[in-house]
Amino acid sequence: MTSLAQAISLTGNTIVLIIFIRAILSLFPAVDPYHPVVRFLDTICAPIFGVFRRLMPPVGMLDLSPLLAILTVQLVTEILVHLLMGIGR
């Protein structure tokens, strides 16, 4: 695998992990929203979630934006890695 494809894959996996952690933390109301780690995660995730919240409003009390964000990041990452691997042959 080329180093650029590896970097894209690592970046995509890191973004998915950050989104997943933020989604899990949102399930616990006792988590301090002003904690530096939570603020860091919000800084990264808020713009991503905002795009998907505009596209698909909440279904009842469920916010599907983290799920859509994870699926989109994984899809884009896979497409980019496969394109780069095809070019590198």
C-alpha atoms as a PDB file:
ATOM      1  CA  MET A   1       0.000   0.000   0.000  1.00  0.00           C
ATOM      2  CA  THR A   2       1.373   3.396  -0.881  1.00  0.00           C
ATOM      3  CA  SER A   3       2.187   5.792   1.902  1.00  0.00           C
ATOM      4  CA  LEU A   4      -0.477   8.265   0.723  1.00  0.00           C
ATOM      5  CA  ALA A   5      -3.127   5.541   0.779  1.00  0.00           C
ATOM      6  CA  GLN A   6      -1.978   4.534   4.263  1.00  0.00           C
ATOM      7  CA  ALA A   7      -2.182   8.142   5.446  1.00  0.00           C
ATOM      8  CA  ILE A   8      -5.702   8.517   4.040  1.00  0.00           C
ATOM      9  CA  SER A   9      -6.759   5.245   5.640  1.00  0.00           C
ATOM     10  CA  LEU A  10      -5.292   6.247   9.007  1.00  0.00           C
ATOM     11  CA  THR A  11      -6.946   9.664   8.836  1.00  0.00           C
ATOM     12  CA  GLY A  12     -10.309   8.154   7.971  1.00  0.00           C
ATOM     13  CA  ASN A  13     -10.061   5.610  10.783  1.00  0.00           C
ATOM     14  CA  THR A  14      -9.090   8.333  13.258  1.00  0.00           C
ATOM     15  CA  ILE A  15     -12.055  10.488  12.256  1.00  0.00           C
ATOM     16  CA  VAL A  16     -14.412   7.506  12.603  1.00  0.00           C
ATOM     17  CA  LEU A  17     -13.001   6.765  16.068  1.00  0.00           C
ATOM     18  CA  ILE A  18     -13.435  10.398  17.160  1.00  0.00           C
ATOM     19  CA  ILE A  19     -17.044  10.456  15.900  1.00  0.00           C
ATOM     20  CA  PHE A  20     -17.762   7.143  17.632  1.00  0.00           C
ATOM     21  CA  ILE A  21     -16.321   8.340  20.963  1.00  0.00           C
ATOM     22  CA  ARG A  22     -18.324  11.581  20.764  1.00  0.00           C
ATOM     23  CA  ALA A  23     -21.520   9.669  19.996  1.00  0.00           C
ATOM     24  CA  ILE A  24     -20.958   7.349  22.969  1.00  0.00           C
ATOM     25  CA  LEU A  25     -20.211  10.280  25.289  1.00  0.00           C
ATOM     26  CA  SER A  26     -23.461  11.959  24.247  1.00  0.00           C
ATOM     27  CA  LEU A  27     -25.369   9.031  25.761  1.00  0.00           C
ATOM     28  CA  PHE A  28     -24.145   9.899  29.265  1.00  0.00           C
ATOM     29  CA  PRO A  29     -25.717  13.082  30.640  1.00  0.00           C
ATOM     30  CA  ALA A  30     -23.252  13.211  33.556  1.00  0.00           C
ATOM     31  CA  VAL A  31     -20.340  13.981  31.193  1.00  0.00           C
ATOM     32  CA  ASP A  32     -19.132  17.540  31.748  1.00  0.00           C
ATOM     33  CA  PRO A  33     -19.605  19.446  28.450  1.00  0.00           C
ATOM     34  CA  TYR A  34     -16.823  21.845  29.465  1.00  0.00           C
ATOM     35  CA  HIS A  35     -14.195  19.166  29.967  1.00  0.00           C
ATOM     36  CA  PRO A  36     -11.254  19.828  27.583  1.00  0.00           C
ATOM     37  CA  VAL A  37     -11.541  16.404  25.937  1.00  0.00           C
ATOM     38  CA  VAL A  38     -15.276  16.822  25.311  1.00  0.00           C
ATOM     39  CA  ARG A  39     -14.713  20.326  23.941  1.00  0.00           C
ATOM     40  CA  PHE A  40     -11.978  19.013  21.630  1.00  0.00           C
ATOM     41  CA  LEU A  41     -14.295  16.271  20.341  1.00  0.00           C
ATOM     42  CA  ASP A  42     -17.096  18.799  19.851  1.00  0.00           C
ATOM     43  CA  THR A  43     -14.773  21.109  17.938  1.00  0.00           C
ATOM     44  CA  ILE A  44     -14.011  18.317  15.492  1.00  0.00           C
ATOM     45  CA  CYS A  45     -17.454  16.712  15.295  1.00  0.00           C
ATOM     46  CA  ALA A  46     -19.799  19.735  15.311  1.00  0.00           C
ATOM     47  CA  PRO A  47     -19.069  20.818  11.711  1.00  0.00           C
ATOM     48  CA  ILE A  48     -19.363  17.240  10.473  1.00  0.00           C
ATOM     49  CA  PHE A  49     -22.614  16.605  12.351  1.00  0.00           C
ATOM     50  CA  GLY A  50     -24.011  19.956  11.213  1.00  0.00           C
ATOM     51  CA  VAL A  51     -23.852  18.923   7.560  1.00  0.00           C
ATOM     52  CA  PHE A  52     -25.759  15.715   8.220  1.00  0.00           C
ATOM     53  CA  ARG A  53     -28.267  17.383  10.553  1.00  0.00           C
ATOM     54  CA  ARG A  54     -29.208  19.752   7.733  1.00  0.00           C
ATOM     55  CA  LEU A  55     -29.599  16.834   5.330  1.00  0.00           C
ATOM     56  CA  MET A  56     -31.576  14.608   7.695  1.00  0.00           C
ATOM     57  CA  PRO A  57     -33.372  16.031  10.728  1.00  0.00           C
ATOM     58  CA  PRO A  58     -33.615  13.949  13.920  1.00  0.00           C
ATOM     59  CA  VAL A  59     -35.970  10.977  13.848  1.00  0.00           C
ATOM     60  CA  GLY A  60     -37.929  11.387  17.062  1.00  0.00           C
ATOM     61  CA  MET A  61     -35.280  11.681  19.748  1.00  0.00           C
ATOM     62  CA  LEU A  62     -32.645   9.901  17.652  1.00  0.00           C
ATOM     63  CA  ASP A  63     -29.890  11.897  16.018  1.00  0.00           C
ATOM     64  CA  LEU A  64     -28.609   9.856  13.086  1.00  0.00           C
ATOM     65  CA  SER A  65     -25.903  12.337  12.100  1.00  0.00           C
ATOM     66  CA  PRO A  66     -23.055  10.363  13.780  1.00  0.00           C
ATOM     67  CA  LEU A  67     -24.096   7.197  11.945  1.00  0.00           C
ATOM     68  CA  LEU A  68     -24.322   9.008   8.614  1.00  0.00           C
ATOM     69  CA  ALA A  69     -20.988  10.718   9.252  1.00  0.00           C
ATOM     70  CA  ILE A  70     -19.244   7.418  10.020  1.00  0.00           C
ATOM     71  CA  LEU A  71     -20.703   5.743   6.933  1.00  0.00           C
ATOM     72  CA  THR A  72     -19.721   8.678   4.717  1.00  0.00           C
ATOM     73  CA  VAL A  73     -16.170   8.903   6.074  1.00  0.00           C
ATOM     74  CA  GLN A  74     -15.687   5.157   5.614  1.00  0.00           C
ATOM     75  CA  LEU A  75     -17.095   5.254   2.073  1.00  0.00           C
ATOM     76  CA  VAL A  76     -14.930   8.208   1.014  1.00  0.00           C
ATOM     77  CA  THR A  77     -11.853   6.653   2.622  1.00  0.00           C
ATOM     78  CA  GLU A  78     -12.393   3.334   0.860  1.00  0.00           C
ATOM     79  CA  ILE A  79     -12.973   5.016  -2.513  1.00  0.00           C
ATOM     80  CA  LEU A  80      -9.826   7.147  -2.187  1.00  0.00           C
ATOM     81  CA  VAL A  81      -7.672   4.209  -1.056  1.00  0.00           C
ATOM     82  CA  HIS A  82      -8.929   1.990  -3.884  1.00  0.00           C
ATOM     83  CA  LEU A  83      -8.314   4.741  -6.440  1.00  0.00           C
ATOM     84  CA  LEU A  84      -4.789   5.297  -5.164  1.00  0.00           C
ATOM     85  CA  MET A  85      -4.078   1.566  -5.095  1.00  0.00           C
ATOM     86  CA  GLY A  86      -5.310   1.277  -8.687  1.00  0.00           C
ATOM     87  CA  ILE A  87      -3.032   4.106  -9.771  1.00  0.00           C
ATOM     88  CA  GLY A  88      -0.070   2.597  -7.952  1.00  0.00           C
ATOM     89  CA  ARG A  89      -0.167  -0.684  -9.899  1.00  0.00           C
END
